[in-house]
Amino acid sequence: MKGDVRGMVSGIGETMAALRAIRENYARAEEETAANWRLSDPAKKEALSAYRAAQRESVVHAARSIFGESGRFWAERDVLRAKLRDARDRAETLDAARLANTYRRVPSIVTGYQTVQELVAWYRDGADTYERRALQDTGAEPIGGRFRGQSEVGGFLAELRRDRAEAMATPEVRAAEESIALLEKEAYEAHGELHKHLAEVGEGGVLSDGARVLAGVRVDVRFDDVSRLDAKARYTVERVLDTGYIPIKE
C-alpha cells in the first residue's frame, strides 16, 4: 500500500483477500462434489447446501469485521486521522498570539480598499506572512460583505483557500491525507464487493445480517472536475445513523 504514514497492511485488504480465498476454496469443493459420481443426489444437495451456508457466514463475518460497530475500517481511519491532526499541528509554525492579533485586524484591512483588485494586489505583494494567513483564515466573510457583487470576489476567495491548503501541505501532512484517501478508496471498493458476494450466496435480503451491516454505511465517490479524464476521485465512507436497525456487534 502507498502512504508510509500507515506503516501497516490495511486490515480491509487482509480481510477481503482472506474472503476471496475462502470463496475460491468452496467453489472448487462445489465443483468436485457436483462431479463426484459416488455421491447420491441427496448427499450432493446436502453438501452443496452446507458449502453455501459456510460461504454466507464468511461473507457476513467479513462485512462485520470491516464495517461493524468496531470494524477495522473505523479503527484504522481513527488512527490515521489522529496522525493527520498531529501532522497539521506540527505544520503550524506561526506564533499563535501574533496571529490572533492579526485576525482582529482583518476587517479593517479589508475596508481599507475600494476594490477587490486593490486588496488582491496588497495580499500578493504587500502583506507579510501573518497578514496573508489571517486573510486566508478569516477573510471570506468581510471580503464577501465589502465587495458583494464584484465578479472577482469568487476567484480571490478560491485563491485564499488554495494558499491556505498549500501553507499546511508539509510532506507529513500530504502522506497522512493520502493514507486516509487510500483507506477510504479500499473501503468503498470492499463495500461494493461485499454487496456482490452477498447476492451471490443468497444473503442479500434487506433484513439479512450482512445487508444490515452494509446498510449502516454510506459510500460515495465524486470527481474534482468531471470534465477532465484525469480528475481525482474523492471517496466518502461514513456511518449511517438512521437506518432503523440495531447495530450488529462482532
Protein backbone atom coordinates (compact mmCIF):
# COMPACT_ATOMS: atom_id res chain seq x y z
CA MET A 1 0.00 0.00 0.00
CA LYS A 2 1.10 3.58 -0.62
CA GLY A 3 1.40 6.06 2.21
CA ASP A 4 4.33 5.42 4.56
CA VAL A 5 2.48 7.02 7.46
CA ARG A 6 0.41 3.86 7.85
CA GLY A 7 3.30 1.53 8.49
CA MET A 8 0.94 -1.44 8.25
CA VAL A 9 -1.02 -3.54 5.81
CA SER A 10 -4.61 -2.44 5.62
CA GLY A 11 -6.99 -4.64 7.59
CA ILE A 12 -9.51 -4.21 4.80
CA GLY A 13 -7.09 -5.71 2.30
CA GLU A 14 -6.33 -8.63 4.59
CA THR A 15 -9.99 -9.36 5.25
CA MET A 16 -11.05 -9.19 1.61
CA ALA A 17 -8.09 -11.31 0.45
CA ALA A 18 -9.00 -13.97 3.02
CA LEU A 19 -12.64 -13.88 1.92
CA ARG A 20 -11.72 -14.34 -1.74
CA ALA A 21 -9.51 -17.30 -0.87
CA ILE A 22 -12.30 -18.90 1.16
CA ARG A 23 -14.81 -18.45 -1.64
CA GLU A 24 -12.38 -19.91 -4.19
CA ASN A 25 -11.87 -22.97 -1.99
CA TYR A 26 -15.61 -23.50 -1.65
CA ALA A 27 -16.09 -23.04 -5.39
CA ARG A 28 -13.61 -25.85 -6.04
CA ALA A 29 -15.28 -28.01 -3.40
CA GLU A 30 -18.67 -27.44 -5.03
CA GLU A 31 -17.31 -28.44 -8.44
CA GLU A 32 -15.71 -31.58 -7.05
CA THR A 33 -18.86 -32.52 -5.16
CA ALA A 34 -21.08 -31.99 -8.18
CA ALA A 35 -18.75 -34.18 -10.28
CA ASN A 36 -18.43 -36.98 -7.69
CA TRP A 37 -20.38 -39.87 -9.17
CA ARG A 38 -20.06 -41.82 -5.92
CA LEU A 39 -22.38 -39.39 -4.09
CA SER A 40 -26.13 -39.65 -4.37
CA ASP A 41 -28.12 -36.64 -5.44
CA PRO A 42 -29.48 -36.06 -1.90
CA ALA A 43 -25.92 -36.24 -0.50
CA LYS A 44 -24.69 -33.78 -3.11
CA LYS A 45 -27.57 -31.44 -2.34
CA GLU A 46 -26.84 -31.58 1.37
CA ALA A 47 -23.12 -30.95 0.85
CA LEU A 48 -23.69 -28.05 -1.55
CA SER A 49 -26.18 -26.51 0.87
CA ALA A 50 -23.60 -26.73 3.64
CA TYR A 51 -20.98 -25.11 1.43
CA ARG A 52 -23.34 -22.27 0.57
CA ALA A 53 -24.20 -21.71 4.24
CA ALA A 54 -20.49 -21.59 5.13
CA GLN A 55 -19.89 -19.05 2.37
CA ARG A 56 -22.73 -16.88 3.64
CA GLU A 57 -21.21 -16.97 7.11
CA SER A 58 -17.77 -15.99 5.77
CA VAL A 59 -19.18 -13.02 3.82
CA VAL A 60 -21.17 -11.75 6.80
CA HIS A 61 -18.13 -12.16 9.03
CA ALA A 62 -16.04 -10.08 6.59
CA ALA A 63 -18.69 -7.36 6.47
CA ARG A 64 -18.81 -7.20 10.26
CA SER A 65 -15.02 -7.25 10.55
CA ILE A 66 -14.66 -4.24 8.27
CA PHE A 67 -17.83 -2.20 8.82
CA GLY A 68 -19.32 -3.46 12.08
CA GLU A 69 -19.68 -1.24 15.13
CA SER A 70 -15.99 -1.64 15.96
CA GLY A 71 -14.87 -2.67 12.47
CA ARG A 72 -11.33 -2.45 11.18
CA PHE A 73 -12.07 0.42 8.81
CA TRP A 74 -13.30 2.74 11.54
CA ALA A 75 -10.39 1.83 13.83
CA GLU A 76 -7.75 2.33 11.15
CA ARG A 77 -9.23 5.60 9.96
CA ASP A 78 -9.33 6.94 13.53
CA VAL A 79 -5.60 6.20 13.85
CA LEU A 80 -4.81 7.92 10.56
CA ARG A 81 -6.96 10.93 11.39
CA ALA A 82 -5.07 11.32 14.68
CA LYS A 83 -1.79 11.22 12.74
CA LEU A 84 -3.13 13.87 10.38
CA ARG A 85 -4.10 16.15 13.27
CA ASP A 86 -0.64 15.78 14.76
CA ALA A 87 0.99 16.48 11.39
CA ARG A 88 -1.07 19.63 10.94
CA ASP A 89 -0.19 20.81 14.43
CA ARG A 90 3.49 20.43 13.61
CA ALA A 91 2.99 22.20 10.28
CA GLU A 92 1.71 25.33 12.04
CA THR A 93 4.84 27.35 12.82
CA LEU A 94 3.40 30.85 13.25
CA ASP A 95 3.25 32.49 16.66
CA ALA A 96 -0.29 31.99 17.97
CA ALA A 97 -0.54 35.29 19.87
CA ARG A 98 0.70 37.38 16.96
CA LEU A 99 -1.60 35.55 14.57
CA ALA A 100 -4.59 36.14 16.86
CA ASN A 101 -3.84 39.85 16.92
CA THR A 102 -3.64 39.90 13.14
CA TYR A 103 -7.00 38.14 12.90
CA ARG A 104 -8.58 41.10 14.69
CA ARG A 105 -7.13 43.49 12.09
CA VAL A 106 -8.62 41.71 9.07
CA PRO A 107 -11.95 43.65 8.93
CA SER A 108 -10.14 46.99 8.99
CA ILE A 109 -7.64 45.81 6.39
CA VAL A 110 -10.45 44.81 4.04
CA THR A 111 -12.39 48.04 4.50
CA GLY A 112 -9.26 50.00 3.63
CA TYR A 113 -9.55 49.04 -0.04
CA GLN A 114 -12.12 50.22 -2.57
CA THR A 115 -11.91 47.28 -5.00
CA VAL A 116 -11.07 43.60 -4.89
CA GLN A 117 -8.20 44.22 -7.30
CA GLU A 118 -6.57 46.60 -4.82
CA LEU A 119 -6.90 44.07 -1.99
CA VAL A 120 -5.54 41.28 -4.17
CA ALA A 121 -2.51 43.40 -5.11
CA TRP A 122 -1.77 44.09 -1.43
CA TYR A 123 -2.25 40.42 -0.49
CA ARG A 124 0.16 39.21 -3.18
CA ASP A 125 2.85 41.88 -2.90
CA GLY A 126 2.48 43.85 0.33
CA ALA A 127 1.14 41.54 3.05
CA ASP A 128 3.52 39.81 5.45
CA THR A 129 3.22 36.12 6.38
CA TYR A 130 0.85 36.78 9.31
CA GLU A 131 -1.40 39.09 7.30
CA ARG A 132 -1.62 36.56 4.47
CA ARG A 133 -2.52 33.77 6.89
CA ALA A 134 -5.08 35.91 8.70
CA LEU A 135 -6.78 36.81 5.43
CA GLN A 136 -6.80 33.14 4.41
CA ASP A 137 -8.36 32.07 7.72
CA THR A 138 -10.87 34.84 8.40
CA GLY A 139 -11.16 36.93 5.26
CA ALA A 140 -14.06 35.22 3.49
CA GLU A 141 -16.87 36.96 5.39
CA PRO A 142 -15.52 40.54 5.41
CA ILE A 143 -14.38 40.26 1.78
CA GLY A 144 -17.75 38.91 0.66
CA GLY A 145 -19.55 41.66 2.53
CA ARG A 146 -17.30 44.50 1.47
CA PHE A 147 -17.15 43.65 -2.22
CA ARG A 148 -20.52 42.00 -2.71
CA GLY A 149 -21.41 41.81 -6.40
CA GLN A 150 -17.87 42.30 -7.71
CA SER A 151 -17.07 39.48 -10.11
CA GLU A 152 -13.51 38.97 -8.86
CA VAL A 153 -14.58 38.01 -5.32
CA GLY A 154 -15.11 34.31 -6.03
CA GLY A 155 -11.75 33.90 -7.69
CA PHE A 156 -9.92 35.65 -4.86
CA LEU A 157 -11.61 33.56 -2.18
CA ALA A 158 -10.63 30.42 -4.11
CA GLU A 159 -7.04 31.69 -4.20
CA LEU A 160 -7.09 32.19 -0.43
CA ARG A 161 -8.32 28.62 0.09
CA ARG A 162 -5.62 27.22 -2.17
CA ASP A 163 -2.90 29.23 -0.47
CA ARG A 164 -4.09 28.11 2.97
CA ALA A 165 -4.04 24.46 1.94
CA GLU A 166 -0.59 24.87 0.41
CA ALA A 167 0.76 26.50 3.56
CA MET A 168 -0.16 23.40 5.56
CA ALA A 169 0.88 20.85 2.96
CA THR A 170 4.06 19.52 4.54
CA PRO A 171 5.26 16.10 3.36
CA GLU A 172 3.95 14.60 6.60
CA VAL A 173 0.51 16.16 6.12
CA ARG A 174 0.36 15.05 2.49
CA ALA A 175 1.32 11.49 3.45
CA ALA A 176 -1.39 11.35 6.12
CA GLU A 177 -4.03 12.75 3.77
CA GLU A 178 -3.03 10.27 1.07
CA SER A 179 -3.20 7.36 3.50
CA ILE A 180 -6.73 8.31 4.55
CA ALA A 181 -7.78 8.69 0.92
CA LEU A 182 -6.36 5.27 0.05
CA LEU A 183 -8.06 3.63 3.01
CA GLU A 184 -11.42 5.17 2.10
CA LYS A 185 -10.99 4.03 -1.51
CA GLU A 186 -10.36 0.49 -0.25
CA ALA A 187 -13.43 0.68 1.96
CA TYR A 188 -15.58 1.97 -0.91
CA GLU A 189 -14.47 -0.90 -3.14
CA ALA A 190 -14.85 -3.50 -0.38
CA HIS A 191 -18.38 -2.28 0.33
CA GLY A 192 -19.37 -2.85 -3.30
CA GLU A 193 -17.65 -6.22 -3.47
CA LEU A 194 -19.36 -7.41 -0.29
CA HIS A 195 -22.75 -6.44 -1.71
CA LYS A 196 -21.96 -8.57 -4.76
CA HIS A 197 -20.85 -11.53 -2.64
CA LEU A 198 -24.00 -11.33 -0.53
CA ALA A 199 -26.17 -11.52 -3.62
CA GLU A 200 -24.20 -14.48 -4.96
CA VAL A 201 -24.52 -16.51 -1.76
CA GLY A 202 -28.19 -15.67 -1.32
CA GLU A 203 -27.76 -13.44 1.74
CA GLY A 204 -28.67 -10.11 0.21
CA GLY A 205 -32.15 -9.55 1.63
CA VAL A 206 -32.79 -6.24 3.39
CA LEU A 207 -33.22 -7.97 6.76
CA SER A 208 -30.18 -10.26 6.50
CA ASP A 209 -27.27 -9.74 8.87
CA GLY A 210 -24.81 -8.86 6.10
CA ALA A 211 -27.17 -6.44 4.39
CA ARG A 212 -27.90 -4.73 7.71
CA VAL A 213 -24.20 -4.18 8.33
CA LEU A 214 -23.65 -2.69 4.87
CA ALA A 215 -26.82 -0.59 5.14
CA GLY A 216 -25.21 1.09 8.15
CA VAL A 217 -22.53 2.56 5.88
CA ARG A 218 -22.93 5.35 3.31
CA VAL A 219 -20.42 5.29 0.46
CA ASP A 220 -19.99 7.76 -2.37
CA VAL A 221 -17.43 8.82 -4.96
CA ARG A 222 -17.14 12.18 -6.66
CA PHE A 223 -14.63 13.74 -9.02
CA ASP A 224 -12.93 17.11 -8.66
CA ASP A 225 -13.64 18.03 -12.28
CA VAL A 226 -15.97 15.77 -14.27
CA SER A 227 -14.86 17.45 -17.49
CA ARG A 228 -11.33 16.03 -17.13
CA LEU A 229 -10.41 12.40 -17.78
CA ASP A 230 -7.66 12.62 -15.16
CA ALA A 231 -9.90 14.15 -12.49
CA LYS A 232 -9.12 12.94 -8.97
CA ALA A 233 -11.75 10.78 -7.31
CA ARG A 234 -12.89 11.64 -3.77
CA TYR A 235 -14.29 8.71 -1.79
CA THR A 236 -16.67 9.11 1.13
CA VAL A 237 -17.32 6.35 3.67
CA GLU A 238 -19.41 7.26 6.71
CA ARG A 239 -21.71 5.65 9.24
CA VAL A 240 -25.46 5.88 8.69
CA LEU A 241 -27.16 6.61 11.99
CA ASP A 242 -30.81 6.46 10.89
CA THR A 243 -31.13 3.03 9.25
CA GLY A 244 -33.74 1.89 11.75
CA TYR A 245 -31.64 -1.13 12.62
CA ILE A 246 -29.92 -2.05 15.85
CA PRO A 247 -26.14 -2.10 15.25
CA ILE A 248 -24.77 -5.61 14.95
CA LYS A 249 -21.78 -6.25 17.19
CA GLU A 250 -18.98 -8.54 16.12
